[in-house]
Amino acid sequence: MEKRFSFVLAAVFAAALLLFGCTARGQSSQLKVGGSDTMVILGQAWAEKYMQEKPEKKVSITGGGSGVGISSLTESTIDVAESSRDMKDSEIEAARKKGVEPVKTIVAYDGIAIILHPSNPVGSLTIAQLRDIFTGKATNWKEVGGNDEKISIYSRESSSGTYEFMKEHVLAKGDYAASVKYSAGSAVLVESVSQDKAAIGYTGVAYAKQRSDVKIIPVAKDGSSKPYLPDKEHVKSGSYAIARSLNFYTDGQPQGDAKAFVDFVLGAEGQKITEDTGYFRVS
């Protein structure tokens, strides 16, 4: 009877493990990664290769914006937040109040690409000119060396880390122009610019590289500086004026399945995928 009782307990315990998405070896059923829309295509590429090599592991990748990912990590509904910007002090404080201790791991680098319609004759812009355009001070392309045509501005929405990065580093924390057209995702923004001859927009460089129907223009830090494109050399050297890190945030140092995935991403194969996708490797 005692042996039978022990067997029943073991069976119930095993069933409970399966119910909660675990195996007898303590493997979780799914690692949830979400946030930055800039990083979605990169996260999906990493996850696809990772799961090919480790079929017993499951990784889900969702977007929504860096702010959404950070909020989800704070609420403990995902394991890893993808963010194309650093967490704000207020976000860190909110996470700690929920018992979450955010830890950042840089997994790639990106240059924010300034994109125009291919027919636009403007060859380069400075940070000051971009600030004037995106805040609405400059409203006609002739003010920055282009045709006599009203500027059509495209931006990511406010939950986007790229929106926040541009606001802080290009707009000097100024407000976006009232005329700005907001896009829910990077791919949507690029598509809009490709169809609007008066358009200007910004996006993670990988999204722009994929398209032949938009033009990436060089950007200069100021009027006396040389303009550079967001390529590997100038992003890594700091010469490109709008470069940033792409980050993972976890609750504490990565452990278990999260650590295994982070280690893969930072390893030789993961970093090759980073370059193949159009972003720039950490190592």
C-alpha atoms as a PDB file:
ATOM      1  CA  MET A   1       0.000   0.000   0.000  1.00  0.00           C
ATOM      2  CA  GLU A   2       2.816   2.408   0.913  1.00  0.00           C
ATOM      3  CA  LYS A   3       4.585   1.743  -2.406  1.00  0.00           C
ATOM      4  CA  ARG A   4       1.344   2.293  -4.299  1.00  0.00           C
ATOM      5  CA  PHE A   5       0.718   5.538  -2.438  1.00  0.00           C
ATOM      6  CA  SER A   6       4.233   6.731  -3.292  1.00  0.00           C
ATOM      7  CA  PHE A   7       3.673   5.867  -6.943  1.00  0.00           C
ATOM      8  CA  VAL A   8       0.431   7.868  -7.004  1.00  0.00           C
ATOM      9  CA  LEU A   9       2.162  10.871  -5.427  1.00  0.00           C
ATOM     10  CA  ALA A  10       4.931  10.672  -8.030  1.00  0.00           C
ATOM     11  CA  ALA A  11       2.383  10.519 -10.846  1.00  0.00           C
ATOM     12  CA  VAL A  12       0.494  13.523  -9.478  1.00  0.00           C
ATOM     13  CA  PHE A  13       3.752  15.480  -9.122  1.00  0.00           C
ATOM     14  CA  ALA A  14       4.772  14.668 -12.712  1.00  0.00           C
ATOM     15  CA  ALA A  15       1.349  15.734 -13.989  1.00  0.00           C
ATOM     16  CA  ALA A  16       1.628  18.997 -12.075  1.00  0.00           C
ATOM     17  CA  LEU A  17       5.002  19.694 -13.675  1.00  0.00           C
ATOM     18  CA  LEU A  18       3.522  19.173 -17.116  1.00  0.00           C
ATOM     19  CA  LEU A  19       0.540  21.346 -16.253  1.00  0.00           C
ATOM     20  CA  PHE A  20       2.811  24.236 -15.357  1.00  0.00           C
ATOM     21  CA  GLY A  21       4.884  23.807 -18.500  1.00  0.00           C
ATOM     22  CA  CYS A  22       7.888  22.069 -16.945  1.00  0.00           C
ATOM     23  CA  THR A  23       9.735  18.819 -17.385  1.00  0.00           C
ATOM     24  CA  ALA A  24      11.231  16.591 -14.735  1.00  0.00           C
ATOM     25  CA  ARG A  25      14.549  18.299 -15.435  1.00  0.00           C
ATOM     26  CA  GLY A  26      13.134  21.703 -14.445  1.00  0.00           C
ATOM     27  CA  GLN A  27      13.029  23.224 -17.921  1.00  0.00           C
ATOM     28  CA  SER A  28      10.441  25.951 -18.430  1.00  0.00           C
ATOM     29  CA  SER A  29       8.118  25.505 -21.408  1.00  0.00           C
ATOM     30  CA  GLN A  30       8.674  28.932 -22.908  1.00  0.00           C
ATOM     31  CA  LEU A  31      10.967  31.933 -22.537  1.00  0.00           C
ATOM     32  CA  LYS A  32       8.984  35.106 -23.126  1.00  0.00           C
ATOM     33  CA  VAL A  33      10.883  37.968 -24.771  1.00  0.00           C
ATOM     34  CA  GLY A  34       9.165  41.204 -25.763  1.00  0.00           C
ATOM     35  CA  GLY A  35       9.364  44.936 -26.291  1.00  0.00           C
ATOM     36  CA  SER A  36      11.321  46.957 -28.848  1.00  0.00           C
ATOM     37  CA  ASP A  37       9.864  46.958 -32.342  1.00  0.00           C
ATOM     38  CA  THR A  38      13.341  47.827 -33.631  1.00  0.00           C
ATOM     39  CA  MET A  39      14.594  44.547 -32.195  1.00  0.00           C
ATOM     40  CA  VAL A  40      11.724  42.274 -33.282  1.00  0.00           C
ATOM     41  CA  ILE A  41      13.352  41.046 -36.484  1.00  0.00           C
ATOM     42  CA  LEU A  42      16.609  40.512 -34.614  1.00  0.00           C
ATOM     43  CA  GLY A  43      14.929  38.698 -31.732  1.00  0.00           C
ATOM     44  CA  GLN A  44      13.028  36.465 -34.131  1.00  0.00           C
ATOM     45  CA  ALA A  45      16.212  35.567 -35.996  1.00  0.00           C
ATOM     46  CA  TRP A  46      18.016  34.747 -32.746  1.00  0.00           C
ATOM     47  CA  ALA A  47      15.097  32.698 -31.432  1.00  0.00           C
ATOM     48  CA  GLU A  48      14.657  30.730 -34.660  1.00  0.00           C
ATOM     49  CA  LYS A  49      18.281  29.599 -34.732  1.00  0.00           C
ATOM     50  CA  TYR A  50      18.378  28.978 -30.974  1.00  0.00           C
ATOM     51  CA  MET A  51      15.326  26.696 -31.159  1.00  0.00           C
ATOM     52  CA  GLN A  52      16.759  24.860 -34.165  1.00  0.00           C
ATOM     53  CA  GLU A  53      19.796  23.997 -32.091  1.00  0.00           C
ATOM     54  CA  LYS A  54      17.810  23.313 -28.916  1.00  0.00           C
ATOM     55  CA  PRO A  55      14.452  21.850 -29.983  1.00  0.00           C
ATOM     56  CA  GLU A  56      13.451  21.315 -26.355  1.00  0.00           C
ATOM     57  CA  LYS A  57      13.551  25.087 -25.762  1.00  0.00           C
ATOM     58  CA  LYS A  58      10.765  27.471 -26.730  1.00  0.00           C
ATOM     59  CA  VAL A  59      11.241  31.226 -27.126  1.00  0.00           C
ATOM     60  CA  SER A  60       8.436  33.641 -27.999  1.00  0.00           C
ATOM     61  CA  ILE A  61       9.221  37.102 -29.385  1.00  0.00           C
ATOM     62  CA  THR A  62       6.697  39.954 -29.284  1.00  0.00           C
ATOM     63  CA  GLY A  63       6.936  43.669 -30.099  1.00  0.00           C
ATOM     64  CA  GLY A  64       4.899  46.660 -29.059  1.00  0.00           C
ATOM     65  CA  GLY A  65       7.742  49.042 -28.254  1.00  0.00           C
ATOM     66  CA  SER A  66      10.463  49.348 -25.638  1.00  0.00           C
ATOM     67  CA  GLY A  67       8.061  50.934 -23.153  1.00  0.00           C
ATOM     68  CA  VAL A  68       5.705  47.979 -23.477  1.00  0.00           C
ATOM     69  CA  GLY A  69       8.555  45.527 -22.903  1.00  0.00           C
ATOM     70  CA  ILE A  70       9.798  47.385 -19.831  1.00  0.00           C
ATOM     71  CA  SER A  71       6.282  47.556 -18.408  1.00  0.00           C
ATOM     72  CA  SER A  72       5.785  43.829 -19.039  1.00  0.00           C
ATOM     73  CA  LEU A  73       9.042  43.005 -17.258  1.00  0.00           C
ATOM     74  CA  THR A  74       7.931  45.169 -14.326  1.00  0.00           C
ATOM     75  CA  GLU A  75       4.668  43.215 -14.173  1.00  0.00           C
ATOM     76  CA  SER A  76       6.588  39.912 -14.507  1.00  0.00           C
ATOM     77  CA  THR A  77       4.610  38.859 -17.589  1.00  0.00           C
ATOM     78  CA  ILE A  78       7.778  38.376 -19.669  1.00  0.00           C
ATOM     79  CA  ASP A  79      11.244  37.065 -18.846  1.00  0.00           C
ATOM     80  CA  VAL A  80      13.340  39.395 -21.030  1.00  0.00           C
ATOM     81  CA  ALA A  81      12.518  42.937 -22.159  1.00  0.00           C
ATOM     82  CA  GLU A  82      14.024  44.109 -25.430  1.00  0.00           C
ATOM     83  CA  SER A  83      14.712  47.842 -25.339  1.00  0.00           C
ATOM     84  CA  SER A  84      16.329  50.186 -27.849  1.00  0.00           C
ATOM     85  CA  ARG A  85      16.878  52.754 -25.103  1.00  0.00           C
ATOM     86  CA  ASP A  86      18.021  52.777 -21.488  1.00  0.00           C
ATOM     87  CA  MET A  87      15.377  52.454 -18.808  1.00  0.00           C
ATOM     88  CA  LYS A  88      14.351  55.745 -17.201  1.00  0.00           C
ATOM     89  CA  ASP A  89      14.954  56.296 -13.485  1.00  0.00           C
ATOM     90  CA  SER A  90      11.182  56.361 -12.991  1.00  0.00           C
ATOM     91  CA  GLU A  91      10.829  52.970 -14.709  1.00  0.00           C
ATOM     92  CA  ILE A  92      13.578  51.447 -12.568  1.00  0.00           C
ATOM     93  CA  GLU A  93      11.907  52.802  -9.442  1.00  0.00           C
ATOM     94  CA  ALA A  94       8.507  51.419 -10.535  1.00  0.00           C
ATOM     95  CA  ALA A  95      10.076  48.001 -11.203  1.00  0.00           C
ATOM     96  CA  ARG A  96      11.756  47.907  -7.794  1.00  0.00           C
ATOM     97  CA  LYS A  97       8.450  48.712  -6.100  1.00  0.00           C
ATOM     98  CA  LYS A  98       7.128  45.537  -7.743  1.00  0.00           C
ATOM     99  CA  GLY A  99      10.112  43.533  -6.505  1.00  0.00           C
ATOM    100  CA  VAL A 100      11.840  43.498  -9.901  1.00  0.00           C
ATOM    101  CA  GLU A 101      15.529  44.488 -10.141  1.00  0.00           C
ATOM    102  CA  PRO A 102      16.243  45.392 -13.797  1.00  0.00           C
ATOM    103  CA  VAL A 103      19.662  44.398 -15.130  1.00  0.00           C
ATOM    104  CA  LYS A 104      20.785  45.582 -18.572  1.00  0.00           C
ATOM    105  CA  THR A 105      22.781  43.473 -21.029  1.00  0.00           C
ATOM    106  CA  ILE A 106      23.914  45.147 -24.275  1.00  0.00           C
ATOM    107  CA  VAL A 107      23.314  42.646 -27.084  1.00  0.00           C
ATOM    108  CA  ALA A 108      23.856  44.760 -30.241  1.00  0.00           C
ATOM    109  CA  TYR A 109      24.403  48.263 -31.576  1.00  0.00           C
ATOM    110  CA  ASP A 110      22.271  50.268 -33.980  1.00  0.00           C
ATOM    111  CA  GLY A 111      22.472  53.490 -35.944  1.00  0.00           C
ATOM    112  CA  ILE A 112      19.132  55.229 -36.299  1.00  0.00           C
ATOM    113  CA  ALA A 113      18.733  55.771 -40.032  1.00  0.00           C
ATOM    114  CA  ILE A 114      17.263  59.033 -41.309  1.00  0.00           C
ATOM    115  CA  ILE A 115      15.299  58.123 -44.416  1.00  0.00           C
ATOM    116  CA  LEU A 116      13.857  60.129 -47.306  1.00  0.00           C
ATOM    117  CA  HIS A 117      12.015  59.309 -50.507  1.00  0.00           C
ATOM    118  CA  PRO A 118      14.655  58.432 -53.169  1.00  0.00           C
ATOM    119  CA  SER A 119      13.584  61.400 -55.318  1.00  0.00           C
ATOM    120  CA  ASN A 120      14.485  63.914 -52.596  1.00  0.00           C
ATOM    121  CA  PRO A 121      17.692  65.774 -53.627  1.00  0.00           C
ATOM    122  CA  VAL A 122      18.804  66.517 -50.031  1.00  0.00           C
ATOM    123  CA  GLY A 123      22.142  64.738 -49.561  1.00  0.00           C
ATOM    124  CA  SER A 124      22.772  65.109 -45.823  1.00  0.00           C
ATOM    125  CA  LEU A 125      21.469  66.836 -42.698  1.00  0.00           C
ATOM    126  CA  THR A 126      22.908  68.019 -39.406  1.00  0.00           C
ATOM    127  CA  ILE A 127      21.480  67.268 -35.970  1.00  0.00           C
ATOM    128  CA  ALA A 128      20.337  70.904 -35.725  1.00  0.00           C
ATOM    129  CA  GLN A 129      18.511  70.639 -39.054  1.00  0.00           C
ATOM    130  CA  LEU A 130      16.836  67.413 -37.955  1.00  0.00           C
ATOM    131  CA  ARG A 131      15.780  69.111 -34.721  1.00  0.00           C
ATOM    132  CA  ASP A 132      14.252  71.982 -36.685  1.00  0.00           C
ATOM    133  CA  ILE A 133      12.388  69.574 -38.944  1.00  0.00           C
ATOM    134  CA  PHE A 134      11.015  67.223 -36.301  1.00  0.00           C
ATOM    135  CA  THR A 135       9.977  70.042 -33.945  1.00  0.00           C
ATOM    136  CA  GLY A 136       8.266  71.931 -36.756  1.00  0.00           C
ATOM    137  CA  LYS A 137      10.599  74.921 -36.899  1.00  0.00           C
ATOM    138  CA  ALA A 138      11.553  74.062 -40.488  1.00  0.00           C
ATOM    139  CA  THR A 139       8.480  73.242 -42.566  1.00  0.00           C
ATOM    140  CA  ASN A 140       9.734  73.449 -46.161  1.00  0.00           C
ATOM    141  CA  TRP A 141      12.485  71.389 -47.777  1.00  0.00           C
ATOM    142  CA  LYS A 142      14.022  74.535 -49.325  1.00  0.00           C
ATOM    143  CA  GLU A 143      15.044  75.581 -45.779  1.00  0.00           C
ATOM    144  CA  VAL A 144      17.508  72.667 -45.657  1.00  0.00           C
ATOM    145  CA  GLY A 145      18.690  72.617 -49.276  1.00  0.00           C
ATOM    146  CA  GLY A 146      15.803  70.787 -50.919  1.00  0.00           C
ATOM    147  CA  ASN A 147      12.902  71.582 -53.223  1.00  0.00           C
ATOM    148  CA  ASP A 148      10.208  74.150 -52.481  1.00  0.00           C
ATOM    149  CA  GLU A 149       7.881  71.610 -50.913  1.00  0.00           C
ATOM    150  CA  LYS A 150       6.248  71.163 -47.515  1.00  0.00           C
ATOM    151  CA  ILE A 151       8.048  68.597 -45.327  1.00  0.00           C
ATOM    152  CA  SER A 152       6.026  65.501 -44.435  1.00  0.00           C
ATOM    153  CA  ILE A 153       7.274  64.067 -41.096  1.00  0.00           C
ATOM    154  CA  TYR A 154       6.921  60.456 -39.965  1.00  0.00           C
ATOM    155  CA  SER A 155       7.713  59.252 -36.450  1.00  0.00           C
ATOM    156  CA  ARG A 156       7.287  56.187 -34.280  1.00  0.00           C
ATOM    157  CA  GLU A 157       4.629  56.336 -31.557  1.00  0.00           C
ATOM    158  CA  SER A 158       5.431  57.377 -27.977  1.00  0.00           C
ATOM    159  CA  SER A 159       5.828  53.807 -26.622  1.00  0.00           C
ATOM    160  CA  SER A 160       8.785  53.324 -28.982  1.00  0.00           C
ATOM    161  CA  GLY A 161      12.324  53.445 -27.653  1.00  0.00           C
ATOM    162  CA  THR A 162      13.409  55.012 -30.941  1.00  0.00           C
ATOM    163  CA  TYR A 163      10.865  57.812 -30.428  1.00  0.00           C
ATOM    164  CA  GLU A 164      12.300  58.416 -26.943  1.00  0.00           C
ATOM    165  CA  PHE A 165      15.915  58.293 -28.160  1.00  0.00           C
ATOM    166  CA  MET A 166      15.224  60.797 -30.935  1.00  0.00           C
ATOM    167  CA  LYS A 167      13.352  63.096 -28.544  1.00  0.00           C
ATOM    168  CA  GLU A 168      16.256  63.143 -26.096  1.00  0.00           C
ATOM    169  CA  HIS A 169      19.285  63.096 -28.407  1.00  0.00           C
ATOM    170  CA  VAL A 170      18.045  64.910 -31.518  1.00  0.00           C
ATOM    171  CA  LEU A 171      15.115  67.070 -30.377  1.00  0.00           C
ATOM    172  CA  ALA A 172      16.972  68.009 -27.140  1.00  0.00           C
ATOM    173  CA  LYS A 173      13.822  66.920 -25.251  1.00  0.00           C
ATOM    174  CA  GLY A 174      11.674  69.266 -27.323  1.00  0.00           C
ATOM    175  CA  ASP A 175       8.203  68.304 -28.538  1.00  0.00           C
ATOM    176  CA  TYR A 176       7.534  66.719 -31.885  1.00  0.00           C
ATOM    177  CA  ALA A 177       5.754  68.934 -34.419  1.00  0.00           C
ATOM    178  CA  ALA A 178       1.955  68.898 -34.370  1.00  0.00           C
ATOM    179  CA  SER A 179       2.000  67.810 -38.015  1.00  0.00           C
ATOM    180  CA  VAL A 180       3.900  64.554 -37.357  1.00  0.00           C
ATOM    181  CA  LYS A 181       2.321  61.356 -38.651  1.00  0.00           C
ATOM    182  CA  TYR A 182       2.841  58.527 -36.139  1.00  0.00           C
ATOM    183  CA  SER A 183       3.471  54.907 -37.140  1.00  0.00           C
ATOM    184  CA  ALA A 184       2.761  51.887 -34.969  1.00  0.00           C
ATOM    185  CA  GLY A 185       5.807  49.994 -36.229  1.00  0.00           C
ATOM    186  CA  SER A 186       9.115  50.449 -38.026  1.00  0.00           C
ATOM    187  CA  ALA A 187       8.037  48.550 -41.135  1.00  0.00           C
ATOM    188  CA  VAL A 188       4.902  50.702 -41.419  1.00  0.00           C
ATOM    189  CA  LEU A 189       6.970  53.886 -41.122  1.00  0.00           C
ATOM    190  CA  VAL A 190       9.412  52.817 -43.839  1.00  0.00           C
ATOM    191  CA  GLU A 191       6.539  51.890 -46.128  1.00  0.00           C
ATOM    192  CA  SER A 192       4.947  55.310 -45.589  1.00  0.00           C
ATOM    193  CA  VAL A 193       8.180  57.154 -46.425  1.00  0.00           C
ATOM    194  CA  SER A 194       8.615  55.078 -49.585  1.00  0.00           C
ATOM    195  CA  GLN A 195       5.261  56.345 -50.876  1.00  0.00           C
ATOM    196  CA  ASP A 196       5.579  60.036 -49.948  1.00  0.00           C
ATOM    197  CA  LYS A 197       7.958  62.186 -52.037  1.00  0.00           C
ATOM    198  CA  ALA A 198       8.085  64.893 -49.343  1.00  0.00           C
ATOM    199  CA  ALA A 199       8.684  62.475 -46.480  1.00  0.00           C
ATOM    200  CA  ILE A 200      11.322  62.198 -43.796  1.00  0.00           C
ATOM    201  CA  GLY A 201      11.391  59.533 -41.112  1.00  0.00           C
ATOM    202  CA  TYR A 202      13.686  57.553 -38.844  1.00  0.00           C
ATOM    203  CA  THR A 203      14.090  53.869 -38.082  1.00  0.00           C
ATOM    204  CA  GLY A 204      16.510  51.209 -36.917  1.00  0.00           C
ATOM    205  CA  VAL A 205      19.076  50.774 -39.661  1.00  0.00           C
ATOM    206  CA  ALA A 206      18.166  47.138 -40.410  1.00  0.00           C
ATOM    207  CA  TYR A 207      14.650  48.125 -41.507  1.00  0.00           C
ATOM    208  CA  ALA A 208      15.996  50.764 -43.885  1.00  0.00           C
ATOM    209  CA  LYS A 209      18.716  48.528 -45.337  1.00  0.00           C
ATOM    210  CA  GLN A 210      16.091  46.033 -46.466  1.00  0.00           C
ATOM    211  CA  ARG A 211      14.453  48.541 -48.801  1.00  0.00           C
ATOM    212  CA  SER A 212      15.591  50.014 -52.099  1.00  0.00           C
ATOM    213  CA  ASP A 213      12.661  52.450 -52.208  1.00  0.00           C
ATOM    214  CA  VAL A 214      13.908  54.721 -49.403  1.00  0.00           C
ATOM    215  CA  LYS A 215      17.145  56.709 -49.182  1.00  0.00           C
ATOM    216  CA  ILE A 216      19.359  56.662 -46.082  1.00  0.00           C
ATOM    217  CA  ILE A 217      21.158  59.993 -45.785  1.00  0.00           C
ATOM    218  CA  PRO A 218      24.382  60.844 -43.908  1.00  0.00           C
ATOM    219  CA  VAL A 219      24.054  62.858 -40.689  1.00  0.00           C
ATOM    220  CA  ALA A 220      26.561  65.353 -39.253  1.00  0.00           C
ATOM    221  CA  LYS A 221      26.898  66.276 -35.592  1.00  0.00           C
ATOM    222  CA  ASP A 222      27.056  69.976 -36.530  1.00  0.00           C
ATOM    223  CA  GLY A 223      27.701  72.322 -39.435  1.00  0.00           C
ATOM    224  CA  SER A 224      31.474  71.970 -39.210  1.00  0.00           C
ATOM    225  CA  SER A 225      31.505  68.160 -38.975  1.00  0.00           C
ATOM    226  CA  LYS A 226      31.611  65.584 -41.742  1.00  0.00           C
ATOM    227  CA  PRO A 227      28.323  63.715 -42.291  1.00  0.00           C
ATOM    228  CA  TYR A 228      28.400  59.937 -41.921  1.00  0.00           C
ATOM    229  CA  LEU A 229      26.109  57.049 -42.790  1.00  0.00           C
ATOM    230  CA  PRO A 230      24.980  54.601 -40.077  1.00  0.00           C
ATOM    231  CA  ASP A 231      27.391  51.864 -41.132  1.00  0.00           C
ATOM    232  CA  LYS A 232      29.493  49.491 -39.024  1.00  0.00           C
ATOM    233  CA  GLU A 233      32.633  51.631 -38.973  1.00  0.00           C
ATOM    234  CA  HIS A 234      30.987  54.880 -37.981  1.00  0.00           C
ATOM    235  CA  VAL A 235      28.466  53.463 -35.521  1.00  0.00           C
ATOM    236  CA  LYS A 236      31.126  51.527 -33.589  1.00  0.00           C
ATOM    237  CA  SER A 237      33.596  54.455 -33.633  1.00  0.00           C
ATOM    238  CA  GLY A 238      30.980  56.955 -32.449  1.00  0.00           C
ATOM    239  CA  SER A 239      31.370  59.104 -35.589  1.00  0.00           C
ATOM    240  CA  TYR A 240      27.724  58.590 -36.521  1.00  0.00           C
ATOM    241  CA  ALA A 241      25.673  61.063 -34.529  1.00  0.00           C
ATOM    242  CA  ILE A 242      22.618  58.913 -33.737  1.00  0.00           C
ATOM    243  CA  ALA A 243      24.049  55.579 -32.542  1.00  0.00           C
ATOM    244  CA  ARG A 244      22.779  53.537 -29.584  1.00  0.00           C
ATOM    245  CA  SER A 245      22.926  50.187 -27.887  1.00  0.00           C
ATOM    246  CA  LEU A 246      20.193  47.551 -28.164  1.00  0.00           C
ATOM    247  CA  ASN A 247      19.514  45.954 -24.806  1.00  0.00           C
ATOM    248  CA  PHE A 248      18.037  43.049 -22.930  1.00  0.00           C
ATOM    249  CA  TYR A 249      16.613  43.747 -19.472  1.00  0.00           C
ATOM    250  CA  THR A 250      16.068  40.909 -16.995  1.00  0.00           C
ATOM    251  CA  ASP A 251      14.965  40.701 -13.388  1.00  0.00           C
ATOM    252  CA  GLY A 252      18.399  40.361 -11.800  1.00  0.00           C
ATOM    253  CA  GLN A 253      21.301  38.716 -13.573  1.00  0.00           C
ATOM    254  CA  PRO A 254      20.057  36.302 -16.267  1.00  0.00           C
ATOM    255  CA  GLN A 255      19.545  32.788 -14.940  1.00  0.00           C
ATOM    256  CA  GLY A 256      18.287  29.470 -16.264  1.00  0.00           C
ATOM    257  CA  ASP A 257      16.684  29.633 -19.701  1.00  0.00           C
ATOM    258  CA  ALA A 258      17.164  33.404 -19.866  1.00  0.00           C
ATOM    259  CA  LYS A 259      20.909  33.027 -19.299  1.00  0.00           C
ATOM    260  CA  ALA A 260      21.151  30.269 -21.899  1.00  0.00           C
ATOM    261  CA  PHE A 261      19.450  32.519 -24.468  1.00  0.00           C
ATOM    262  CA  VAL A 262      21.561  35.576 -23.575  1.00  0.00           C
ATOM    263  CA  ASP A 263      24.735  33.466 -23.818  1.00  0.00           C
ATOM    264  CA  PHE A 264      23.668  32.288 -27.280  1.00  0.00           C
ATOM    265  CA  VAL A 265      22.910  35.849 -28.426  1.00  0.00           C
ATOM    266  CA  LEU A 266      26.319  37.091 -27.246  1.00  0.00           C
ATOM    267  CA  GLY A 267      28.152  34.079 -28.642  1.00  0.00           C
ATOM    268  CA  ALA A 268      29.744  33.784 -32.076  1.00  0.00           C
ATOM    269  CA  GLU A 269      26.627  32.438 -33.779  1.00  0.00           C
ATOM    270  CA  GLY A 270      24.276  34.951 -32.194  1.00  0.00           C
ATOM    271  CA  GLN A 271      26.521  37.875 -33.065  1.00  0.00           C
ATOM    272  CA  LYS A 272      26.815  36.660 -36.662  1.00  0.00           C
ATOM    273  CA  ILE A 273      23.014  36.751 -36.834  1.00  0.00           C
ATOM    274  CA  THR A 274      23.173  40.317 -35.499  1.00  0.00           C
ATOM    275  CA  GLU A 275      25.339  41.384 -38.444  1.00  0.00           C
ATOM    276  CA  ASP A 276      23.376  39.320 -40.973  1.00  0.00           C
ATOM    277  CA  THR A 277      20.185  41.053 -39.829  1.00  0.00           C
ATOM    278  CA  GLY A 278      21.708  44.482 -40.437  1.00  0.00           C
ATOM    279  CA  TYR A 279      22.702  45.572 -36.943  1.00  0.00           C
ATOM    280  CA  PHE A 280      26.178  45.685 -35.388  1.00  0.00           C
ATOM    281  CA  ARG A 281      27.796  43.156 -33.089  1.00  0.00           C
ATOM    282  CA  VAL A 282      28.918  43.783 -29.534  1.00  0.00           C
ATOM    283  CA  SER A 283      32.087  41.692 -29.887  1.00  0.00           C
END
